[in-house]
Every structure is written in structure tokens, then in C-alpha cells.
Amino acid sequence: MLDFFWQLPQQPPISQAEVNSGAARREIQDHHARLRDLEQQLERVTLVSQALWELLRDRSGITEDQLVDKITEVDLRDGTKDNRLSPRVVACPKCERNITTRHQRCIYCGSAVTKEHIYQ
């Protein structure tokens, strides 16, 4: 009988923990699926990049050393050699506030931001 009174107040937290663990399990499964999708996309981008490089090399005569030099130049545009194409800080053409190039519109006034390069 004493066991019943001990377990009674424990049931709601136990039930909530079971609900939370089920939700966490589903969230982990969703993240695993998203990760698999991203890995497939990365493999596809890598394949396309390699094919484009080979076409460029074969048709233009650009050397791999020239490609590596250009990659380094682009990487260093933000002042750090980190193998990343980092967003840069630019002034909004309308309100002149500083924003990063990762945004397509100014976060302050909503004006369209013209990007200097296709990926930035």
C-alpha cells in the first residue's frame, strides 16, 4: 500500500519523460535523414565541381597550380585562410547600414542588396 502512494506522484513526471524521449528520438531520426540528404548533395556538388574543373582545364589550358592560387585568393578575401567562402560586411545601398553579404535584402530597411559575386 505504501508503494502505491510512493508511485502515484511519480507517474506524471515518468509519463512526461516518455513523451519527451519519443520526441527526441523522432528529432534525431529527422536529423539523420537531413544529414544523409546533405551528404548526397555534397557528393553531387563535388562531382559537378570536378567535371567543371576538368572541362575548364582541358579547354582553356589553366593549370592546377593556377586553380589552387585562385582558391587561395578567394579564401583570403575575408582575411582568413580557412577554406570557407565567408560572408563579407557591406553597406546597404539605401540606408548605408552595415550588413553581411549572406542576406539578399537589408535587414534594416528591406532594400535589395546587390551581390558582388554569385555566391556571396
PDB file of N, CA and C in Angstrom:
ATOM      1  N   MET A   1       0.817  -1.194   0.000  1.00  0.00           N
ATOM      2  CA  MET A   1       0.000   0.000   0.000  1.00  0.00           C
ATOM      3  C   MET A   1       0.862   1.260   0.000  1.00  0.00           C
ATOM      4  N   LEU A   2       1.904   1.259   0.792  1.00  0.00           N
ATOM      5  CA  LEU A   2       2.810   2.398   0.836  1.00  0.00           C
ATOM      6  C   LEU A   2       3.469   2.611  -0.523  1.00  0.00           C
ATOM      7  N   ASP A   3       3.709   1.524  -1.226  1.00  0.00           N
ATOM      8  CA  ASP A   3       4.312   1.592  -2.560  1.00  0.00           C
ATOM      9  C   ASP A   3       3.396   2.359  -3.527  1.00  0.00           C
ATOM     10  N   PHE A   4       2.109   2.162  -3.421  1.00  0.00           N
ATOM     11  CA  PHE A   4       1.140   2.847  -4.272  1.00  0.00           C
ATOM     12  C   PHE A   4       1.222   4.359  -4.072  1.00  0.00           C
ATOM     13  N   PHE A   5       1.281   4.799  -2.826  1.00  0.00           N
ATOM     14  CA  PHE A   5       1.350   6.234  -2.536  1.00  0.00           C
ATOM     15  C   PHE A   5       2.690   6.837  -2.976  1.00  0.00           C
ATOM     16  N   TRP A   6       3.735   6.034  -2.975  1.00  0.00           N
ATOM     17  CA  TRP A   6       5.033   6.499  -3.435  1.00  0.00           C
ATOM     18  C   TRP A   6       5.035   6.680  -4.959  1.00  0.00           C
ATOM     19  N   GLN A   7       4.436   5.730  -5.683  1.00  0.00           N
ATOM     20  CA  GLN A   7       4.445   5.748  -7.130  1.00  0.00           C
ATOM     21  C   GLN A   7       3.464   6.765  -7.720  1.00  0.00           C
ATOM     22  N   LEU A   8       2.395   7.058  -7.028  1.00  0.00           N
ATOM     23  CA  LEU A   8       1.363   7.961  -7.536  1.00  0.00           C
ATOM     24  C   LEU A   8       1.914   9.322  -7.975  1.00  0.00           C
ATOM     25  N   PRO A   9       2.691  10.032  -7.161  1.00  0.00           N
ATOM     26  CA  PRO A   9       3.195  11.337  -7.613  1.00  0.00           C
ATOM     27  C   PRO A   9       4.303  11.203  -8.675  1.00  0.00           C
ATOM     28  N   GLN A  10       4.863  10.001  -8.822  1.00  0.00           N
ATOM     29  CA  GLN A  10       5.933   9.793  -9.790  1.00  0.00           C
ATOM     30  C   GLN A  10       5.408   9.617 -11.223  1.00  0.00           C
ATOM     31  N   GLN A  11       4.158   9.218 -11.370  1.00  0.00           N
ATOM     32  CA  GLN A  11       3.613   8.902 -12.695  1.00  0.00           C
ATOM     33  C   GLN A  11       3.631  10.060 -13.689  1.00  0.00           C
ATOM     34  N   PRO A  12       3.177  11.260 -13.321  1.00  0.00           N
ATOM     35  CA  PRO A  12       3.210  12.359 -14.307  1.00  0.00           C
ATOM     36  C   PRO A  12       4.623  12.660 -14.821  1.00  0.00           C
ATOM     37  N   PRO A  13       5.646  12.764 -13.958  1.00  0.00           N
ATOM     38  CA  PRO A  13       6.986  13.024 -14.500  1.00  0.00           C
ATOM     39  C   PRO A  13       7.497  11.862 -15.378  1.00  0.00           C
ATOM     40  N   ILE A  14       7.167  10.649 -15.012  1.00  0.00           N
ATOM     41  CA  ILE A  14       7.590   9.494 -15.812  1.00  0.00           C
ATOM     42  C   ILE A  14       6.908   9.533 -17.174  1.00  0.00           C
ATOM     43  N   SER A  15       5.618   9.824 -17.192  1.00  0.00           N
ATOM     44  CA  SER A  15       4.887   9.916 -18.460  1.00  0.00           C
ATOM     45  C   SER A  15       5.450  11.035 -19.336  1.00  0.00           C
ATOM     46  N   GLN A  16       5.733  12.168 -18.735  1.00  0.00           N
ATOM     47  CA  GLN A  16       6.300  13.283 -19.492  1.00  0.00           C
ATOM     48  C   GLN A  16       7.678  12.927 -20.036  1.00  0.00           C
ATOM     49  N   ALA A  17       8.481  12.230 -19.253  1.00  0.00           N
ATOM     50  CA  ALA A  17       9.803  11.803 -19.711  1.00  0.00           C
ATOM     51  C   ALA A  17       9.686  10.851 -20.892  1.00  0.00           C
ATOM     52  N   GLU A  18       8.705   9.984 -20.881  1.00  0.00           N
ATOM     53  CA  GLU A  18       8.496   9.068 -22.005  1.00  0.00           C
ATOM     54  C   GLU A  18       8.090   9.840 -23.266  1.00  0.00           C
ATOM     55  N   VAL A  19       7.211  10.827 -23.096  1.00  0.00           N
ATOM     56  CA  VAL A  19       6.807  11.658 -24.229  1.00  0.00           C
ATOM     57  C   VAL A  19       8.019  12.418 -24.778  1.00  0.00           C
ATOM     58  N   ASN A  20       8.810  13.002 -23.882  1.00  0.00           N
ATOM     59  CA  ASN A  20       9.995  13.760 -24.298  1.00  0.00           C
ATOM     60  C   ASN A  20      11.008  12.868 -25.011  1.00  0.00           C
ATOM     61  N   SER A  21      11.200  11.657 -24.506  1.00  0.00           N
ATOM     62  CA  SER A  21      12.174  10.771 -25.143  1.00  0.00           C
ATOM     63  C   SER A  21      11.693  10.349 -26.535  1.00  0.00           C
ATOM     64  N   GLY A  22      10.398  10.151 -26.704  1.00  0.00           N
ATOM     65  CA  GLY A  22       9.856   9.825 -28.022  1.00  0.00           C
ATOM     66  C   GLY A  22      10.051  10.971 -28.999  1.00  0.00           C
ATOM     67  N   ALA A  23       9.820  12.183 -28.530  1.00  0.00           N
ATOM     68  CA  ALA A  23      10.014  13.363 -29.381  1.00  0.00           C
ATOM     69  C   ALA A  23      11.489  13.524 -29.741  1.00  0.00           C
ATOM     70  N   ALA A  24      12.354  13.299 -28.775  1.00  0.00           N
ATOM     71  CA  ALA A  24      13.792  13.396 -29.031  1.00  0.00           C
ATOM     72  C   ALA A  24      14.234  12.337 -30.031  1.00  0.00           C
ATOM     73  N   ARG A  25      13.688  11.148 -29.910  1.00  0.00           N
ATOM     74  CA  ARG A  25      14.023  10.066 -30.846  1.00  0.00           C
ATOM     75  C   ARG A  25      13.609  10.439 -32.276  1.00  0.00           C
ATOM     76  N   ARG A  26      12.411  11.005 -32.430  1.00  0.00           N
ATOM     77  CA  ARG A  26      11.950  11.429 -33.752  1.00  0.00           C
ATOM     78  C   ARG A  26      12.824  12.553 -34.305  1.00  0.00           C
ATOM     79  N   GLU A  27      13.207  13.470 -33.443  1.00  0.00           N
ATOM     80  CA  GLU A  27      14.050  14.588 -33.871  1.00  0.00           C
ATOM     81  C   GLU A  27      15.411  14.085 -34.341  1.00  0.00           C
ATOM     82  N   ILE A  28      15.964  13.111 -33.634  1.00  0.00           N
ATOM     83  CA  ILE A  28      17.240  12.518 -34.037  1.00  0.00           C
ATOM     84  C   ILE A  28      17.099  11.836 -35.392  1.00  0.00           C
ATOM     85  N   GLN A  29      16.012  11.121 -35.596  1.00  0.00           N
ATOM     86  CA  GLN A  29      15.785  10.465 -36.883  1.00  0.00           C
ATOM     87  C   GLN A  29      15.674  11.501 -38.008  1.00  0.00           C
ATOM     88  N   ASP A  30      14.986  12.603 -37.731  1.00  0.00           N
ATOM     89  CA  ASP A  30      14.877  13.682 -38.721  1.00  0.00           C
ATOM     90  C   ASP A  30      16.248  14.264 -39.054  1.00  0.00           C
ATOM     91  N   HIS A  31      17.068  14.452 -38.017  1.00  0.00           N
ATOM     92  CA  HIS A  31      18.410  14.999 -38.242  1.00  0.00           C
ATOM     93  C   HIS A  31      19.278  14.019 -39.033  1.00  0.00           C
ATOM     94  N   HIS A  32      19.147  12.738 -38.755  1.00  0.00           N
ATOM     95  CA  HIS A  32      19.902  11.734 -39.515  1.00  0.00           C
ATOM     96  C   HIS A  32      19.488  11.758 -40.981  1.00  0.00           C
ATOM     97  N   ALA A  33      18.196  11.858 -41.246  1.00  0.00           N
ATOM     98  CA  ALA A  33      17.714  11.915 -42.632  1.00  0.00           C
ATOM     99  C   ALA A  33      18.231  13.175 -43.319  1.00  0.00           C
ATOM    100  N   ARG A  34      18.188  14.302 -42.635  1.00  0.00           N
ATOM    101  CA  ARG A  34      18.685  15.564 -43.213  1.00  0.00           C
ATOM    102  C   ARG A  34      20.181  15.470 -43.485  1.00  0.00           C
ATOM    103  N   LEU A  35      20.919  14.862 -42.565  1.00  0.00           N
ATOM    104  CA  LEU A  35      22.355  14.693 -42.742  1.00  0.00           C
ATOM    105  C   LEU A  35      22.652  13.829 -43.966  1.00  0.00           C
ATOM    106  N   ARG A  36      21.911  12.754 -44.151  1.00  0.00           N
ATOM    107  CA  ARG A  36      22.087  11.909 -45.336  1.00  0.00           C
ATOM    108  C   ARG A  36      21.814  12.709 -46.611  1.00  0.00           C
ATOM    109  N   ASP A  37      20.757  13.528 -46.598  1.00  0.00           N
ATOM    110  CA  ASP A  37      20.436  14.367 -47.756  1.00  0.00           C
ATOM    111  C   ASP A  37      21.575  15.350 -48.049  1.00  0.00           C
ATOM    112  N   LEU A  38      22.102  15.971 -47.011  1.00  0.00           N
ATOM    113  CA  LEU A  38      23.189  16.925 -47.194  1.00  0.00           C
ATOM    114  C   LEU A  38      24.452  16.235 -47.707  1.00  0.00           C
ATOM    115  N   GLU A  39      24.725  15.039 -47.212  1.00  0.00           N
ATOM    116  CA  GLU A  39      25.889  14.291 -47.697  1.00  0.00           C
ATOM    117  C   GLU A  39      25.731  13.961 -49.179  1.00  0.00           C
ATOM    118  N   GLN A  40      24.541  13.584 -49.598  1.00  0.00           N
ATOM    119  CA  GLN A  40      24.293  13.296 -51.016  1.00  0.00           C
ATOM    120  C   GLN A  40      24.455  14.560 -51.860  1.00  0.00           C
ATOM    121  N   GLN A  41      23.957  15.682 -51.359  1.00  0.00           N
ATOM    122  CA  GLN A  41      24.100  16.941 -52.083  1.00  0.00           C
ATOM    123  C   GLN A  41      25.577  17.326 -52.200  1.00  0.00           C
ATOM    124  N   LEU A  42      26.326  17.141 -51.124  1.00  0.00           N
ATOM    125  CA  LEU A  42      27.747  17.454 -51.143  1.00  0.00           C
ATOM    126  C   LEU A  42      28.479  16.579 -52.157  1.00  0.00           C
ATOM    127  N   GLU A  43      28.149  15.299 -52.200  1.00  0.00           N
ATOM    128  CA  GLU A  43      28.769  14.402 -53.180  1.00  0.00           C
ATOM    129  C   GLU A  43      28.456  14.863 -54.599  1.00  0.00           C
ATOM    130  N   ARG A  44      27.229  15.279 -54.826  1.00  0.00           N
ATOM    131  CA  ARG A  44      26.821  15.755 -56.158  1.00  0.00           C
ATOM    132  C   ARG A  44      27.562  17.043 -56.527  1.00  0.00           C
ATOM    133  N   VAL A  45      27.673  17.975 -55.595  1.00  0.00           N
ATOM    134  CA  VAL A  45      28.393  19.224 -55.845  1.00  0.00           C
ATOM    135  C   VAL A  45      29.872  18.929 -56.111  1.00  0.00           C
ATOM    136  N   THR A  46      30.439  18.004 -55.369  1.00  0.00           N
ATOM    137  CA  THR A  46      31.829  17.622 -55.580  1.00  0.00           C
ATOM    138  C   THR A  46      32.022  17.043 -56.979  1.00  0.00           C
ATOM    139  N   LEU A  47      31.114  16.180 -57.390  1.00  0.00           N
ATOM    140  CA  LEU A  47      31.175  15.579 -58.723  1.00  0.00           C
ATOM    141  C   LEU A  47      31.069  16.647 -59.813  1.00  0.00           C
ATOM    142  N   VAL A  48      30.114  17.541 -59.676  1.00  0.00           N
ATOM    143  CA  VAL A  48      29.928  18.609 -60.660  1.00  0.00           C
ATOM    144  C   VAL A  48      31.151  19.529 -60.685  1.00  0.00           C
ATOM    145  N   SER A  49      31.692  19.862 -59.528  1.00  0.00           N
ATOM    146  CA  SER A  49      32.878  20.718 -59.467  1.00  0.00           C
ATOM    147  C   SER A  49      34.058  20.065 -60.174  1.00  0.00           C
ATOM    148  N   GLN A  50      34.243  18.781 -59.945  1.00  0.00           N
ATOM    149  CA  GLN A  50      35.344  18.072 -60.600  1.00  0.00           C
ATOM    150  C   GLN A  50      35.162  18.065 -62.117  1.00  0.00           C
ATOM    151  N   ALA A  51      33.932  17.801 -62.573  1.00  0.00           N
ATOM    152  CA  ALA A  51      33.657  17.790 -64.009  1.00  0.00           C
ATOM    153  C   ALA A  51      33.897  19.176 -64.617  1.00  0.00           C
ATOM    154  N   LEU A  52      33.431  20.218 -63.941  1.00  0.00           N
ATOM    155  CA  LEU A  52      33.646  21.584 -64.442  1.00  0.00           C
ATOM    156  C   LEU A  52      35.124  21.935 -64.486  1.00  0.00           C
ATOM    157  N   TRP A  53      35.863  21.546 -63.456  1.00  0.00           N
ATOM    158  CA  TRP A  53      37.301  21.810 -63.440  1.00  0.00           C
ATOM    159  C   TRP A  53      37.989  21.116 -64.618  1.00  0.00           C
ATOM    160  N   GLU A  54      37.631  19.863 -64.856  1.00  0.00           N
ATOM    161  CA  GLU A  54      38.263  19.132 -65.955  1.00  0.00           C
ATOM    162  C   GLU A  54      37.935  19.756 -67.312  1.00  0.00           C
ATOM    163  N   LEU A  55      36.700  20.202 -67.499  1.00  0.00           N
ATOM    164  CA  LEU A  55      36.344  20.899 -68.746  1.00  0.00           C
ATOM    165  C   LEU A  55      37.158  22.187 -68.901  1.00  0.00           C
ATOM    166  N   LEU A  56      37.220  22.952 -67.832  1.00  0.00           N
ATOM    167  CA  LEU A  56      37.967  24.210 -67.865  1.00  0.00           C
ATOM    168  C   LEU A  56      39.440  23.961 -68.156  1.00  0.00           C
ATOM    169  N   ARG A  57      40.023  22.999 -67.473  1.00  0.00           N
ATOM    170  CA  ARG A  57      41.442  22.668 -67.678  1.00  0.00           C
ATOM    171  C   ARG A  57      41.698  22.222 -69.120  1.00  0.00           C
ATOM    172  N   ASP A  58      40.859  21.315 -69.606  1.00  0.00           N
ATOM    173  CA  ASP A  58      41.069  20.745 -70.938  1.00  0.00           C
ATOM    174  C   ASP A  58      40.840  21.763 -72.047  1.00  0.00           C
ATOM    175  N   ARG A  59      39.923  22.690 -71.867  1.00  0.00           N
ATOM    176  CA  ARG A  59      39.577  23.632 -72.945  1.00  0.00           C
ATOM    177  C   ARG A  59      40.320  24.957 -72.869  1.00  0.00           C
ATOM    178  N   SER A  60      40.830  25.290 -71.689  1.00  0.00           N
ATOM    179  CA  SER A  60      41.475  26.597 -71.566  1.00  0.00           C
ATOM    180  C   SER A  60      42.964  26.516 -71.278  1.00  0.00           C
ATOM    181  N   GLY A  61      43.420  25.377 -70.835  1.00  0.00           N
ATOM    182  CA  GLY A  61      44.840  25.243 -70.517  1.00  0.00           C
ATOM    183  C   GLY A  61      45.225  25.771 -69.151  1.00  0.00           C
ATOM    184  N   ILE A  62      44.263  26.125 -68.343  1.00  0.00           N
ATOM    185  CA  ILE A  62      44.562  26.579 -66.982  1.00  0.00           C
ATOM    186  C   ILE A  62      45.154  25.400 -66.209  1.00  0.00           C
ATOM    187  N   THR A  63      46.199  25.683 -65.441  1.00  0.00           N
ATOM    188  CA  THR A  63      46.855  24.607 -64.694  1.00  0.00           C
ATOM    189  C   THR A  63      46.234  24.454 -63.312  1.00  0.00           C
ATOM    190  N   GLU A  64      46.522  23.322 -62.702  1.00  0.00           N
ATOM    191  CA  GLU A  64      46.018  23.083 -61.344  1.00  0.00           C
ATOM    192  C   GLU A  64      46.638  24.074 -60.367  1.00  0.00           C
ATOM    193  N   ASP A  65      47.891  24.443 -60.586  1.00  0.00           N
ATOM    194  CA  ASP A  65      48.529  25.447 -59.719  1.00  0.00           C
ATOM    195  C   ASP A  65      47.796  26.784 -59.791  1.00  0.00           C
ATOM    196  N   GLN A  66      47.357  27.167 -60.993  1.00  0.00           N
ATOM    197  CA  GLN A  66      46.590  28.408 -61.142  1.00  0.00           C
ATOM    198  C   GLN A  66      45.254  28.304 -60.413  1.00  0.00           C
ATOM    199  N   LEU A  67      44.619  27.154 -60.497  1.00  0.00           N
ATOM    200  CA  LEU A  67      43.358  26.941 -59.774  1.00  0.00           C
ATOM    201  C   LEU A  67      43.577  27.057 -58.269  1.00  0.00           C
ATOM    202  N   VAL A  68      44.612  26.404 -57.765  1.00  0.00           N
ATOM    203  CA  VAL A  68      44.906  26.451 -56.325  1.00  0.00           C
ATOM    204  C   VAL A  68      45.202  27.888 -55.899  1.00  0.00           C
ATOM    205  N   ASP A  69      45.962  28.618 -56.712  1.00  0.00           N
ATOM    206  CA  ASP A  69      46.248  30.020 -56.390  1.00  0.00           C
ATOM    207  C   ASP A  69      44.963  30.843 -56.323  1.00  0.00           C
ATOM    208  N   LYS A  70      44.038  30.624 -57.255  1.00  0.00           N
ATOM    209  CA  LYS A  70      42.771  31.366 -57.265  1.00  0.00           C
ATOM    210  C   LYS A  70      41.934  30.993 -56.043  1.00  0.00           C
ATOM    211  N   ILE A  71      41.904  29.702 -55.694  1.00  0.00           N
ATOM    212  CA  ILE A  71      41.162  29.265 -54.499  1.00  0.00           C
ATOM    213  C   ILE A  71      41.707  29.977 -53.264  1.00  0.00           C
ATOM    214  N   THR A  72      43.036  30.046 -53.162  1.00  0.00           N
ATOM    215  CA  THR A  72      43.659  30.722 -52.021  1.00  0.00           C
ATOM    216  C   THR A  72      43.306  32.206 -52.013  1.00  0.00           C
ATOM    217  N   GLU A  73      43.351  32.833 -53.180  1.00  0.00           N
ATOM    218  CA  GLU A  73      42.995  34.256 -53.284  1.00  0.00           C
ATOM    219  C   GLU A  73      41.562  34.509 -52.805  1.00  0.00           C
ATOM    220  N   VAL A  74      40.636  33.692 -53.270  1.00  0.00           N
ATOM    221  CA  VAL A  74      39.226  33.854 -52.885  1.00  0.00           C
ATOM    222  C   VAL A  74      39.058  33.587 -51.387  1.00  0.00           C
ATOM    223  N   ASP A  75      39.749  32.560 -50.892  1.00  0.00           N
ATOM    224  CA  ASP A  75      39.648  32.214 -49.474  1.00  0.00           C
ATOM    225  C   ASP A  75      40.148  33.356 -48.597  1.00  0.00           C
ATOM    226  N   LEU A  76      41.165  34.055 -49.043  1.00  0.00           N
ATOM    227  CA  LEU A  76      41.766  35.116 -48.235  1.00  0.00           C
ATOM    228  C   LEU A  76      41.026  36.449 -48.320  1.00  0.00           C
ATOM    229  N   ARG A  77      39.969  36.536 -49.111  1.00  0.00           N
ATOM    230  CA  ARG A  77      39.237  37.804 -49.244  1.00  0.00           C
ATOM    231  C   ARG A  77      38.691  38.321 -47.918  1.00  0.00           C
ATOM    232  N   ASP A  78      38.386  37.412 -47.020  1.00  0.00           N
ATOM    233  CA  ASP A  78      37.874  37.841 -45.711  1.00  0.00           C
ATOM    234  C   ASP A  78      39.001  37.997 -44.697  1.00  0.00           C
ATOM    235  N   GLY A  79      40.266  37.816 -45.148  1.00  0.00           N
ATOM    236  CA  GLY A  79      41.415  37.995 -44.269  1.00  0.00           C
ATOM    237  C   GLY A  79      41.843  36.746 -43.530  1.00  0.00           C
ATOM    238  N   THR A  80      41.143  35.627 -43.738  1.00  0.00           N
ATOM    239  CA  THR A  80      41.465  34.394 -43.040  1.00  0.00           C
ATOM    240  C   THR A  80      41.504  33.229 -44.013  1.00  0.00           C
ATOM    241  N   LYS A  81      42.593  32.466 -43.966  1.00  0.00           N
ATOM    242  CA  LYS A  81      42.688  31.266 -44.797  1.00  0.00           C
ATOM    243  C   LYS A  81      42.064  30.122 -44.006  1.00  0.00           C
ATOM    244  N   ASP A  82      40.787  29.875 -44.291  1.00  0.00           N
ATOM    245  CA  ASP A  82      40.049  28.876 -43.525  1.00  0.00           C
ATOM    246  C   ASP A  82      39.250  27.912 -44.407  1.00  0.00           C
ATOM    247  N   ASN A  83      39.524  27.921 -45.712  1.00  0.00           N
ATOM    248  CA  ASN A  83      38.829  27.051 -46.665  1.00  0.00           C
ATOM    249  C   ASN A  83      37.311  27.259 -46.659  1.00  0.00           C
ATOM    250  N   ARG A  84      36.912  28.513 -46.469  1.00  0.00           N
ATOM    251  CA  ARG A  84      35.490  28.853 -46.458  1.00  0.00           C
ATOM    252  C   ARG A  84      35.266  30.129 -47.258  1.00  0.00           C
ATOM    253  N   LEU A  85      34.115  30.210 -47.875  1.00  0.00           N
ATOM    254  CA  LEU A  85      33.702  31.434 -48.553  1.00  0.00           C
ATOM    255  C   LEU A  85      32.816  32.179 -47.560  1.00  0.00           C
ATOM    256  N   SER A  86      33.450  33.021 -46.761  1.00  0.00           N
ATOM    257  CA  SER A  86      32.745  33.697 -45.681  1.00  0.00           C
ATOM    258  C   SER A  86      31.998  34.913 -46.193  1.00  0.00           C
ATOM    259  N   PRO A  87      30.857  35.213 -45.566  1.00  0.00           N
ATOM    260  CA  PRO A  87      30.146  36.436 -45.937  1.00  0.00           C
ATOM    261  C   PRO A  87      30.987  37.659 -45.572  1.00  0.00           C
ATOM    262  N   ARG A  88      30.801  38.724 -46.331  1.00  0.00           N
ATOM    263  CA  ARG A  88      31.518  39.962 -46.061  1.00  0.00           C
ATOM    264  C   ARG A  88      30.544  41.017 -45.575  1.00  0.00           C
ATOM    265  N   VAL A  89      31.070  42.025 -44.925  1.00  0.00           N
ATOM    266  CA  VAL A  89      30.250  43.145 -44.465  1.00  0.00           C
ATOM    267  C   VAL A  89      30.273  44.213 -45.551  1.00  0.00           C
ATOM    268  N   VAL A  90      29.078  44.651 -45.949  1.00  0.00           N
ATOM    269  CA  VAL A  90      28.932  45.709 -46.952  1.00  0.00           C
ATOM    270  C   VAL A  90      27.919  46.728 -46.444  1.00  0.00           C
ATOM    271  N   ALA A  91      27.924  47.883 -47.060  1.00  0.00           N
ATOM    272  CA  ALA A  91      26.950  48.920 -46.707  1.00  0.00           C
ATOM    273  C   ALA A  91      25.709  48.736 -47.568  1.00  0.00           C
ATOM    274  N   CYS A  92      24.540  48.841 -46.950  1.00  0.00           N
ATOM    275  CA  CYS A  92      23.277  48.788 -47.691  1.00  0.00           C
ATOM    276  C   CYS A  92      23.250  49.959 -48.672  1.00  0.00           C
ATOM    277  N   PRO A  93      22.846  49.708 -49.925  1.00  0.00           N
ATOM    278  CA  PRO A  93      22.824  50.796 -50.909  1.00  0.00           C
ATOM    279  C   PRO A  93      21.804  51.893 -50.591  1.00  0.00           C
ATOM    280  N   LYS A  94      20.809  51.585 -49.765  1.00  0.00           N
ATOM    281  CA  LYS A  94      19.776  52.577 -49.465  1.00  0.00           C
ATOM    282  C   LYS A  94      20.015  53.272 -48.124  1.00  0.00           C
ATOM    283  N   CYS A  95      20.098  52.485 -47.040  1.00  0.00           N
ATOM    284  CA  CYS A  95      20.218  53.106 -45.709  1.00  0.00           C
ATOM    285  C   CYS A  95      21.671  53.201 -45.226  1.00  0.00           C
ATOM    286  N   GLU A  96      22.584  52.566 -45.967  1.00  0.00           N
ATOM    287  CA  GLU A  96      24.017  52.613 -45.699  1.00  0.00           C
ATOM    288  C   GLU A  96      24.432  51.959 -44.385  1.00  0.00           C
ATOM    289  N   ARG A  97      23.564  51.170 -43.790  1.00  0.00           N
ATOM    290  CA  ARG A  97      23.952  50.419 -42.593  1.00  0.00           C
ATOM    291  C   ARG A  97      24.748  49.192 -43.017  1.00  0.00           C
ATOM    292  N   ASN A  98      25.599  48.708 -42.112  1.00  0.00           N
ATOM    293  CA  ASN A  98      26.403  47.530 -42.419  1.00  0.00           C
ATOM    294  C   ASN A  98      25.563  46.259 -42.315  1.00  0.00           C
ATOM    295  N   ILE A  99      25.682  45.419 -43.337  1.00  0.00           N
ATOM    296  CA  ILE A  99      25.018  44.110 -43.361  1.00  0.00           C
ATOM    297  C   ILE A  99      25.995  43.108 -43.975  1.00  0.00           C
ATOM    298  N   THR A 100      25.722  41.823 -43.780  1.00  0.00           N
ATOM    299  CA  THR A 100      26.606  40.831 -44.386  1.00  0.00           C
ATOM    300  C   THR A 100      26.057  40.409 -45.750  1.00  0.00           C
ATOM    301  N   THR A 101      26.950  39.909 -46.582  1.00  0.00           N
ATOM    302  CA  THR A 101      26.573  39.516 -47.932  1.00  0.00           C
ATOM    303  C   THR A 101      25.744  38.233 -47.947  1.00  0.00           C
ATOM    304  N   ARG A 102      25.542  37.611 -46.815  1.00  0.00           N
ATOM    305  CA  ARG A 102      24.708  36.409 -46.804  1.00  0.00           C
ATOM    306  C   ARG A 102      23.219  36.764 -46.952  1.00  0.00           C
ATOM    307  N   HIS A 103      22.864  38.008 -46.712  1.00  0.00           N
ATOM    308  CA  HIS A 103      21.477  38.444 -46.848  1.00  0.00           C
ATOM    309  C   HIS A 103      21.205  38.960 -48.255  1.00  0.00           C
ATOM    310  N   GLN A 104      20.014  38.675 -48.776  1.00  0.00           N
ATOM    311  CA  GLN A 104      19.625  39.189 -50.088  1.00  0.00           C
ATOM    312  C   GLN A 104      18.936  40.544 -49.976  1.00  0.00           C
ATOM    313  N   ARG A 105      18.447  40.837 -48.791  1.00  0.00           N
ATOM    314  CA  ARG A 105      17.799  42.121 -48.529  1.00  0.00           C
ATOM    315  C   ARG A 105      18.366  42.694 -47.240  1.00  0.00           C
ATOM    316  N   CYS A 106      18.377  43.998 -47.163  1.00  0.00           N
ATOM    317  CA  CYS A 106      18.854  44.672 -45.955  1.00  0.00           C
ATOM    318  C   CYS A 106      17.939  44.305 -44.789  1.00  0.00           C
ATOM    319  N   ILE A 107      18.537  43.923 -43.683  1.00  0.00           N
ATOM    320  CA  ILE A 107      17.741  43.535 -42.516  1.00  0.00           C
ATOM    321  C   ILE A 107      17.146  44.749 -41.810  1.00  0.00           C
ATOM    322  N   TYR A 108      17.583  45.960 -42.174  1.00  0.00           N
ATOM    323  CA  TYR A 108      17.078  47.176 -41.551  1.00  0.00           C
ATOM    324  C   TYR A 108      15.973  47.841 -42.367  1.00  0.00           C
ATOM    325  N   CYS A 109      16.209  47.984 -43.691  1.00  0.00           N
ATOM    326  CA  CYS A 109      15.234  48.722 -44.496  1.00  0.00           C
ATOM    327  C   CYS A 109      14.551  47.860 -45.565  1.00  0.00           C
ATOM    328  N   GLY A 110      15.038  46.639 -45.768  1.00  0.00           N
ATOM    329  CA  GLY A 110      14.406  45.740 -46.733  1.00  0.00           C
ATOM    330  C   GLY A 110      14.836  45.930 -48.171  1.00  0.00           C
ATOM    331  N   SER A 111      15.737  46.855 -48.406  1.00  0.00           N
ATOM    332  CA  SER A 111      16.212  47.110 -49.765  1.00  0.00           C
ATOM    333  C   SER A 111      17.001  45.913 -50.292  1.00  0.00           C
ATOM    334  N   ALA A 112      16.867  45.648 -51.600  1.00  0.00           N
ATOM    335  CA  ALA A 112      17.614  44.552 -52.220  1.00  0.00           C
ATOM    336  C   ALA A 112      19.103  44.870 -52.187  1.00  0.00           C
ATOM    337  N   VAL A 113      19.897  43.846 -51.878  1.00  0.00           N
ATOM    338  CA  VAL A 113      21.340  44.004 -51.816  1.00  0.00           C
ATOM    339  C   VAL A 113      21.948  43.342 -53.044  1.00  0.00           C
ATOM    340  N   THR A 114      22.677  44.106 -53.817  1.00  0.00           N
ATOM    341  CA  THR A 114      23.349  43.579 -54.994  1.00  0.00           C
ATOM    342  C   THR A 114      24.626  42.884 -54.545  1.00  0.00           C
ATOM    343  N   LYS A 115      24.767  41.632 -54.965  1.00  0.00           N
ATOM    344  CA  LYS A 115      25.947  40.882 -54.582  1.00  0.00           C
ATOM    345  C   LYS A 115      27.047  41.083 -55.599  1.00  0.00           C
ATOM    346  N   GLU A 116      28.269  41.222 -55.110  1.00  0.00           N
ATOM    347  CA  GLU A 116      29.423  41.409 -55.988  1.00  0.00           C
ATOM    348  C   GLU A 116      29.727  40.118 -56.761  1.00  0.00           C
ATOM    349  N   HIS A 117      29.539  38.994 -56.100  1.00  0.00           N
ATOM    350  CA  HIS A 117      29.825  37.692 -56.705  1.00  0.00           C
ATOM    351  C   HIS A 117      28.588  36.809 -56.557  1.00  0.00           C
ATOM    352  N   ILE A 118      28.449  35.820 -57.403  1.00  0.00           N
ATOM    353  CA  ILE A 118      27.263  34.964 -57.419  1.00  0.00           C
ATOM    354  C   ILE A 118      27.033  34.220 -56.103  1.00  0.00           C
ATOM    355  N   TYR A 119      28.104  33.827 -55.442  1.00  0.00           N
ATOM    356  CA  TYR A 119      27.964  33.029 -54.216  1.00  0.00           C
ATOM    357  C   TYR A 119      28.036  33.860 -52.953  1.00  0.00           C
ATOM    358  N   GLN A 120      28.260  35.140 -53.035  1.00  0.00           N
ATOM    359  CA  GLN A 120      28.376  35.958 -51.827  1.00  0.00           C
ATOM    360  C   GLN A 120      27.305  36.993 -51.812  1.00  0.00           C
TER     361      GLN A 120
END
